[in-house]
C-alpha atoms as a PDB file:
ATOM      1  CA  MET A   1      17.376  -6.561  15.728  1.00  0.00           C
ATOM      2  CA  ASP A   2      17.317  -2.782  15.839  1.00  0.00           C
ATOM      3  CA  VAL A   3      15.284  -1.788  12.787  1.00  0.00           C
ATOM      4  CA  LEU A   4      15.753   1.985  12.861  1.00  0.00           C
ATOM      5  CA  PRO A   5      19.476   2.027  11.888  1.00  0.00           C
ATOM      6  CA  ILE A   6      18.718  -0.301   8.982  1.00  0.00           C
ATOM      7  CA  LEU A   7      15.893   1.924   7.760  1.00  0.00           C
ATOM      8  CA  ILE A   8      18.193   4.942   8.004  1.00  0.00           C
ATOM      9  CA  GLU A   9      20.889   3.105   6.063  1.00  0.00           C
ATOM     10  CA  TRP A  10      18.450   2.191   3.302  1.00  0.00           C
ATOM     11  CA  PHE A  11      16.724   5.564   3.268  1.00  0.00           C
ATOM     12  CA  PRO A  12      18.669   6.950   0.244  1.00  0.00           C
ATOM     13  CA  TYR A  13      17.720   3.843  -1.755  1.00  0.00           C
ATOM     14  CA  LEU A  14      14.088   4.243  -0.760  1.00  0.00           C
ATOM     15  CA  LEU A  15      14.264   7.852  -1.944  1.00  0.00           C
ATOM     16  CA  SER A  16      15.539   6.695  -5.326  1.00  0.00           C
ATOM     17  CA  GLY A  17      12.552   4.351  -5.482  1.00  0.00           C
ATOM     18  CA  VAL A  18      10.249   7.256  -4.634  1.00  0.00           C
ATOM     19  CA  ALA A  19      11.783   9.321  -7.453  1.00  0.00           C
ATOM     20  CA  SER A  20      11.263   6.476  -9.909  1.00  0.00           C
ATOM     21  CA  THR A  21       7.675   5.959  -8.770  1.00  0.00           C
ATOM     22  CA  LEU A  22       6.856   9.653  -9.090  1.00  0.00           C
ATOM     23  CA  GLY A  23       8.489   9.675 -12.521  1.00  0.00           C
ATOM     24  CA  LEU A  24       6.217   6.841 -13.620  1.00  0.00           C
ATOM     25  CA  VAL A  25       3.145   8.611 -12.276  1.00  0.00           C
ATOM     26  CA  LEU A  26       3.981  11.981 -13.834  1.00  0.00           C
ATOM     27  CA  ALA A  27       4.809  10.472 -17.230  1.00  0.00           C
ATOM     28  CA  ALA A  28       1.623   8.397 -17.200  1.00  0.00           C
ATOM     29  CA  LEU A  29      -0.553  11.362 -16.221  1.00  0.00           C
ATOM     30  CA  VAL A  30       0.894  13.524 -19.000  1.00  0.00           C
ATOM     31  CA  LEU A  31       0.602  10.776 -21.614  1.00  0.00           C
ATOM     32  CA  GLY A  32      -2.937  10.014 -20.473  1.00  0.00           C
ATOM     33  CA  LEU A  33      -3.865  13.674 -20.823  1.00  0.00           C
ATOM     34  CA  LEU A  34      -2.276  14.037 -24.259  1.00  0.00           C
ATOM     35  CA  LEU A  35      -4.105  10.956 -25.541  1.00  0.00           C
ATOM     36  CA  GLY A  36      -7.273  11.064 -23.466  1.00  0.00           C
ATOM     37  CA  LEU A  37      -8.395  14.581 -24.374  1.00  0.00           C
ATOM     38  CA  PRO A  38      -8.274  14.066 -28.170  1.00  0.00           C
ATOM     39  CA  MET A  39     -10.065  10.746 -27.745  1.00  0.00           C
ATOM     40  CA  ALA A  40     -12.786  12.449 -25.713  1.00  0.00           C
ATOM     41  CA  LEU A  41     -13.195  15.074 -28.433  1.00  0.00           C
ATOM     42  CA  GLY A  42     -13.368  12.288 -30.987  1.00  0.00           C
ATOM     43  CA  GLN A  43     -16.121  10.541 -29.055  1.00  0.00           C
ATOM     44  CA  VAL A  44     -18.173  13.721 -28.754  1.00  0.00           C
ATOM     45  CA  TYR A  45     -17.550  15.415 -32.094  1.00  0.00           C
ATOM     46  CA  GLY A  46     -15.984  12.718 -34.273  1.00  0.00           C
ATOM     47  CA  SER A  47     -17.443  10.560 -36.990  1.00  0.00           C
ATOM     48  CA  ARG A  48     -18.872   7.116 -36.348  1.00  0.00           C
ATOM     49  CA  PRO A  49     -15.594   5.296 -37.237  1.00  0.00           C
ATOM     50  CA  VAL A  50     -13.683   7.576 -34.866  1.00  0.00           C
ATOM     51  CA  ARG A  51     -16.153   6.957 -32.050  1.00  0.00           C
ATOM     52  CA  TRP A  52     -15.972   3.231 -32.723  1.00  0.00           C
ATOM     53  CA  ALA A  53     -12.154   3.203 -32.691  1.00  0.00           C
ATOM     54  CA  VAL A  54     -12.013   5.130 -29.411  1.00  0.00           C
ATOM     55  CA  GLY A  55     -14.625   2.822 -27.922  1.00  0.00           C
ATOM     56  CA  VAL A  56     -12.536  -0.233 -28.823  1.00  0.00           C
ATOM     57  CA  TYR A  57      -9.443   1.370 -27.309  1.00  0.00           C
ATOM     58  CA  VAL A  58     -11.251   2.157 -24.073  1.00  0.00           C
ATOM     59  CA  TRP A  59     -12.776  -1.312 -23.930  1.00  0.00           C
ATOM     60  CA  PHE A  60      -9.383  -2.966 -24.431  1.00  0.00           C
ATOM     61  CA  PHE A  61      -7.353  -0.981 -21.917  1.00  0.00           C
ATOM     62  CA  ARG A  62     -10.062  -0.867 -19.263  1.00  0.00           C
ATOM     63  CA  GLY A  63     -10.872  -4.543 -19.659  1.00  0.00           C
ATOM     64  CA  LEU A  64      -7.425  -6.006 -18.947  1.00  0.00           C
ATOM     65  CA  PRO A  65      -5.533  -6.027 -15.633  1.00  0.00           C
ATOM     66  CA  ILE A  66      -2.516  -3.749 -15.550  1.00  0.00           C
ATOM     67  CA  LEU A  67      -0.171  -6.716 -15.046  1.00  0.00           C
ATOM     68  CA  VAL A  68      -1.469  -8.417 -18.195  1.00  0.00           C
ATOM     69  CA  LEU A  69      -0.989  -5.201 -20.168  1.00  0.00           C
ATOM     70  CA  LEU A  70       2.583  -4.859 -18.887  1.00  0.00           C
ATOM     71  CA  PHE A  71       3.440  -8.400 -19.965  1.00  0.00           C
ATOM     72  CA  LEU A  72       1.740  -7.955 -23.356  1.00  0.00           C
ATOM     73  CA  PHE A  73       3.767  -4.858 -24.160  1.00  0.00           C
ATOM     74  CA  TRP A  74       7.019  -5.967 -22.515  1.00  0.00           C
ATOM     75  CA  PHE A  75       7.170  -9.465 -24.010  1.00  0.00           C
ATOM     76  CA  GLY A  76       5.066  -9.118 -27.142  1.00  0.00           C
ATOM     77  CA  ILE A  77       3.916  -5.826 -28.633  1.00  0.00           C
ATOM     78  CA  PHE A  78       7.028  -3.668 -28.268  1.00  0.00           C
ATOM     79  CA  PRO A  79       9.489  -6.421 -29.303  1.00  0.00           C
ATOM     80  CA  GLY A  80       7.164  -7.206 -32.229  1.00  0.00           C
ATOM     81  CA  LEU A  81       7.381  -3.561 -33.302  1.00  0.00           C
ATOM     82  CA  GLY A  82      11.166  -3.599 -33.088  1.00  0.00           C
ATOM     83  CA  LEU A  83      11.151  -1.683 -29.797  1.00  0.00           C
ATOM     84  CA  GLY A  84      12.515  -4.453 -27.623  1.00  0.00           C
ATOM     85  CA  ASN A  85      15.423  -2.261 -26.513  1.00  0.00           C
ATOM     86  CA  LEU A  86      13.165   0.117 -24.583  1.00  0.00           C
ATOM     87  CA  SER A  87      13.933   0.276 -20.883  1.00  0.00           C
ATOM     88  CA  ALA A  88      11.558  -1.226 -18.357  1.00  0.00           C
ATOM     89  CA  PHE A  89      10.862   2.262 -16.989  1.00  0.00           C
ATOM     90  CA  VAL A  90       9.770   3.570 -20.406  1.00  0.00           C
ATOM     91  CA  VAL A  91       7.564   0.533 -21.040  1.00  0.00           C
ATOM     92  CA  GLY A  92       5.981   0.869 -17.607  1.00  0.00           C
ATOM     93  CA  ALA A  93       5.320   4.583 -18.070  1.00  0.00           C
ATOM     94  CA  VAL A  94       3.850   4.049 -21.550  1.00  0.00           C
ATOM     95  CA  VAL A  95       1.566   1.222 -20.441  1.00  0.00           C
ATOM     96  CA  LEU A  96       0.375   3.186 -17.411  1.00  0.00           C
ATOM     97  CA  GLY A  97      -0.202   6.189 -19.669  1.00  0.00           C
ATOM     98  CA  LEU A  98      -2.081   4.209 -22.322  1.00  0.00           C
ATOM     99  CA  ARG A  99      -4.308   2.655 -19.688  1.00  0.00           C
ATOM    100  CA  GLY A 100      -4.768   6.008 -17.964  1.00  0.00           C
ATOM    101  CA  ALA A 101      -5.787   7.567 -21.286  1.00  0.00           C
ATOM    102  CA  ALA A 102      -8.701   5.135 -21.519  1.00  0.00           C
ATOM    103  CA  TYR A 103     -10.023   6.310 -18.150  1.00  0.00           C
ATOM    104  CA  GLN A 104      -9.184   9.967 -18.653  1.00  0.00           C
ATOM    105  CA  SER A 105     -10.930  10.047 -22.017  1.00  0.00           C
ATOM    106  CA  GLN A 106     -14.186   9.158 -20.302  1.00  0.00           C
ATOM    107  CA  ILE A 107     -13.653  11.829 -17.648  1.00  0.00           C
ATOM    108  CA  PHE A 108     -13.081  14.444 -20.342  1.00  0.00           C
ATOM    109  CA  ARG A 109     -15.947  13.153 -22.459  1.00  0.00           C
ATOM    110  CA  GLY A 110     -18.398  13.563 -19.603  1.00  0.00           C
ATOM    111  CA  ALA A 111     -17.090  17.051 -18.868  1.00  0.00           C
ATOM    112  CA  ILE A 112     -17.373  18.123 -22.517  1.00  0.00           C
ATOM    113  CA  GLN A 113     -20.897  16.775 -22.768  1.00  0.00           C
ATOM    114  CA  SER A 114     -21.874  18.621 -19.596  1.00  0.00           C
ATOM    115  CA  VAL A 115     -21.217  21.932 -21.358  1.00  0.00           C
ATOM    116  CA  GLY A 116     -24.536  22.875 -22.943  1.00  0.00           C
ATOM    117  CA  GLU A 117     -24.876  22.374 -26.692  1.00  0.00           C
ATOM    118  CA  GLY A 118     -26.309  25.859 -26.814  1.00  0.00           C
ATOM    119  CA  GLN A 119     -22.835  27.259 -26.201  1.00  0.00           C
ATOM    120  CA  MET A 120     -21.533  25.617 -29.358  1.00  0.00           C
ATOM    121  CA  ILE A 121     -24.512  26.951 -31.293  1.00  0.00           C
ATOM    122  CA  ALA A 122     -23.949  30.448 -29.899  1.00  0.00           C
ATOM    123  CA  ALA A 123     -20.242  30.341 -30.746  1.00  0.00           C
ATOM    124  CA  ARG A 124     -20.960  29.234 -34.302  1.00  0.00           C
ATOM    125  CA  SER A 125     -23.572  31.960 -34.675  1.00  0.00           C
ATOM    126  CA  LEU A 126     -20.870  34.500 -33.774  1.00  0.00           C
ATOM    127  CA  GLY A 127     -18.799  33.305 -36.711  1.00  0.00           C
ATOM    128  CA  MET A 128     -16.428  30.921 -34.919  1.00  0.00           C
ATOM    129  CA  SER A 129     -15.357  27.778 -36.681  1.00  0.00           C
ATOM    130  CA  ARG A 130     -16.138  24.480 -34.990  1.00  0.00           C
ATOM    131  CA  LEU A 131     -12.500  24.049 -33.980  1.00  0.00           C
ATOM    132  CA  THR A 132     -12.256  27.591 -32.593  1.00  0.00           C
ATOM    133  CA  ALA A 133     -15.474  27.135 -30.634  1.00  0.00           C
ATOM    134  CA  ILE A 134     -14.175  23.902 -29.092  1.00  0.00           C
ATOM    135  CA  ARG A 135     -10.820  25.461 -28.226  1.00  0.00           C
ATOM    136  CA  SER A 136     -12.052  28.815 -26.951  1.00  0.00           C
ATOM    137  CA  VAL A 137     -15.490  28.097 -25.507  1.00  0.00           C
ATOM    138  CA  ILE A 138     -16.027  24.410 -24.756  1.00  0.00           C
ATOM    139  CA  LEU A 139     -12.637  23.222 -23.504  1.00  0.00           C
ATOM    140  CA  PRO A 140     -11.949  26.012 -20.955  1.00  0.00           C
ATOM    141  CA  GLN A 141     -15.199  25.128 -19.213  1.00  0.00           C
ATOM    142  CA  ALA A 142     -14.900  21.374 -19.652  1.00  0.00           C
ATOM    143  CA  MET A 143     -11.388  21.233 -18.206  1.00  0.00           C
ATOM    144  CA  ARG A 144     -12.539  22.950 -15.020  1.00  0.00           C
ATOM    145  CA  ILE A 145     -15.391  20.485 -14.710  1.00  0.00           C
ATOM    146  CA  ALA A 146     -13.087  17.527 -15.394  1.00  0.00           C
ATOM    147  CA  LEU A 147     -10.319  18.476 -12.969  1.00  0.00           C
ATOM    148  CA  PRO A 148     -11.770  16.794  -9.837  1.00  0.00           C
ATOM    149  CA  GLY A 149     -12.281  13.525 -11.710  1.00  0.00           C
ATOM    150  CA  TRP A 150      -8.943  13.803 -13.473  1.00  0.00           C
ATOM    151  CA  SER A 151      -7.113  14.397 -10.185  1.00  0.00           C
ATOM    152  CA  ASN A 152      -8.483  11.078  -8.925  1.00  0.00           C
ATOM    153  CA  GLU A 153      -6.372   9.381 -11.571  1.00  0.00           C
ATOM    154  CA  TYR A 154      -3.281  10.302  -9.556  1.00  0.00           C
ATOM    155  CA  PRO A 155      -3.840   7.796  -6.717  1.00  0.00           C
ATOM    156  CA  ASN A 156      -4.971   5.153  -9.208  1.00  0.00           C
ATOM    157  CA  ILE A 157      -1.783   5.421 -11.243  1.00  0.00           C
ATOM    158  CA  LEU A 158       0.312   5.697  -8.077  1.00  0.00           C
ATOM    159  CA  THR A 159      -0.954   2.356  -6.797  1.00  0.00           C
ATOM    160  CA  ASP A 160      -0.766   0.741 -10.257  1.00  0.00           C
ATOM    161  CA  SER A 161       2.879   1.815 -10.561  1.00  0.00           C
ATOM    162  CA  ALA A 162       3.838  -0.714  -7.880  1.00  0.00           C
ATOM    163  CA  VAL A 163       3.005  -3.526 -10.316  1.00  0.00           C
ATOM    164  CA  CYS A 164       5.771  -2.338 -12.661  1.00  0.00           C
ATOM    165  CA  TYR A 165       8.303  -4.187 -10.509  1.00  0.00           C
ATOM    166  CA  ALA A 166       7.151  -7.304 -12.397  1.00  0.00           C
ATOM    167  CA  ILE A 167       8.986  -6.181 -15.564  1.00  0.00           C
ATOM    168  CA  GLY A 168      12.043  -4.905 -13.699  1.00  0.00           C
ATOM    169  CA  VAL A 169      11.284  -1.239 -13.085  1.00  0.00           C
ATOM    170  CA  VAL A 170      13.345  -0.158 -10.085  1.00  0.00           C
ATOM    171  CA  GLU A 171      10.580   1.682  -8.256  1.00  0.00           C
ATOM    172  CA  LEU A 172       9.665   1.881  -4.593  1.00  0.00           C
ATOM    173  CA  LEU A 173       8.318  -1.661  -4.238  1.00  0.00           C
ATOM    174  CA  THR A 174      11.370  -3.094  -6.007  1.00  0.00           C
ATOM    175  CA  ILE A 175      13.693  -1.332  -3.568  1.00  0.00           C
ATOM    176  CA  THR A 176      11.539  -2.568  -0.699  1.00  0.00           C
ATOM    177  CA  SER A 177      11.736  -6.179  -1.905  1.00  0.00           C
ATOM    178  CA  ARG A 178      15.524  -5.967  -2.176  1.00  0.00           C
ATOM    179  CA  MET A 179      15.691  -4.477   1.288  1.00  0.00           C
ATOM    180  CA  VAL A 180      13.586  -7.296   2.740  1.00  0.00           C
ATOM    181  CA  THR A 181      15.728  -9.923   0.994  1.00  0.00           C
ATOM    182  CA  GLN A 182      19.003  -8.501   2.272  1.00  0.00           C
ATOM    183  CA  THR A 183      17.928  -7.630   5.819  1.00  0.00           C
ATOM    184  CA  ASN A 184      15.389 -10.387   6.530  1.00  0.00           C
ATOM    185  CA  ILE A 185      13.134  -7.729   8.036  1.00  0.00           C
ATOM    186  CA  THR A 186       9.624  -7.892   6.651  1.00  0.00           C
ATOM    187  CA  MET A 187       6.804  -6.153   8.478  1.00  0.00           C
ATOM    188  CA  PRO A 188       8.651  -2.956   9.558  1.00  0.00           C
ATOM    189  CA  VAL A 189       9.996  -2.468   6.026  1.00  0.00           C
ATOM    190  CA  TYR A 190       6.642  -2.978   4.340  1.00  0.00           C
ATOM    191  CA  LEU A 191       4.979  -0.721   6.917  1.00  0.00           C
ATOM    192  CA  ALA A 192       7.538   1.981   6.107  1.00  0.00           C
ATOM    193  CA  THR A 193       6.824   1.557   2.394  1.00  0.00           C
ATOM    194  CA  ALA A 194       3.089   1.714   3.036  1.00  0.00           C
ATOM    195  CA  GLY A 195       3.631   4.946   4.952  1.00  0.00           C
ATOM    196  CA  ILE A 196       5.587   6.403   2.034  1.00  0.00           C
ATOM    197  CA  PHE A 197       2.784   5.522  -0.389  1.00  0.00           C
ATOM    198  CA  ILE A 198       0.252   7.148   1.918  1.00  0.00           C
ATOM    199  CA  ILE A 199       2.351  10.315   2.104  1.00  0.00           C
ATOM    200  CA  LEU A 200       2.765  10.403  -1.672  1.00  0.00           C
ATOM    201  CA  ASN A 201      -0.959   9.847  -2.114  1.00  0.00           C
ATOM    202  CA  TYR A 202      -1.976  12.524   0.350  1.00  0.00           C
ATOM    203  CA  GLY A 203       0.625  15.031  -0.811  1.00  0.00           C
ATOM    204  CA  GLY A 204      -0.238  14.659  -4.483  1.00  0.00           C
ATOM    205  CA  LEU A 205      -3.962  14.975  -3.908  1.00  0.00           C
ATOM    206  CA  LYS A 206      -3.374  18.008  -1.716  1.00  0.00           C
ATOM    207  CA  LEU A 207      -1.509  19.746  -4.533  1.00  0.00           C
ATOM    208  CA  LEU A 208      -4.179  18.835  -7.065  1.00  0.00           C
ATOM    209  CA  HIS A 209      -6.951  20.089  -4.783  1.00  0.00           C
ATOM    210  CA  ARG A 210      -5.100  23.384  -4.459  1.00  0.00           C
ATOM    211  CA  LEU A 211      -5.011  23.573  -8.237  1.00  0.00           C
ATOM    212  CA  GLU A 212      -8.758  22.922  -8.340  1.00  0.00           C
ATOM    213  CA  ALA A 213      -9.384  25.740  -5.876  1.00  0.00           C
ATOM    214  CA  ARG A 214      -7.062  28.083  -7.772  1.00  0.00           C
ATOM    215  CA  ILE A 215      -8.814  27.766 -11.123  1.00  0.00           C
ATOM    216  CA  ALA A 216     -12.345  27.284  -9.812  1.00  0.00           C
ATOM    217  CA  ILE A 217     -14.986  29.788 -10.870  1.00  0.00           C
ATOM    218  CA  PRO A 218     -17.525  30.370  -8.062  1.00  0.00           C
ATOM    219  CA  GLY A 219     -20.890  28.996  -9.057  1.00  0.00           C
ATOM    220  CA  PHE A 220     -19.477  26.972 -11.958  1.00  0.00           C
ATOM    221  CA  GLY A 221     -17.758  23.609 -12.343  1.00  0.00           C
ATOM    222  CA  THR A 222     -15.373  22.863  -9.495  1.00  0.00           C
ATOM    223  CA  GLY A 223     -16.543  25.941  -7.674  1.00  0.00           C
ATOM    224  CA  ALA A 224     -20.181  24.924  -7.634  1.00  0.00           C
ATOM    225  CA  MET A 225     -21.535  23.696  -4.340  1.00  0.00           C
END
């Protein structure tokens, strides 16, 4: 059987799977950032109950496999909260984002703690409030330090997104499985899908590394050698 014409025929469907996969990854990265950064601040500057709550969150989401989390939210938590009508894509993106937030919070926490305490003391001595000092002095430095570690979350979420087919998200692996079922071609199709994942992985990291280089300060953070 000539495989190339079949791959060409299915190419638009594979592209739709790529778009869905990238949508999952982007949504999860943004959600992880929006949740992970406040949690990191809570662990560094928060009260003991706040630190405890964040610690429990991190322990829970880092301790369970992504497939278990997907099933928990898809079959149990969201329906129990009256959100059973959410689409599989939304559930997948939320679960990937919640899990990513647990990892990202620790990346940001380490970056914040790497900024010397003396800088907070100096900012307060200049009359800044604690919140202003965090926003204007600590975070601009910490985010530069955290960017290399944060960018590594991209390939992690990209590979985890393939598991979302288990709850019915029509992403790249789902399209691939349908293609294999209908064409009875296995290895060439999965090799093509593997190649697409490699391209997405490489391309995304390349863009993130350019961002690192763009905002790097020579001799500090990502610019330090």
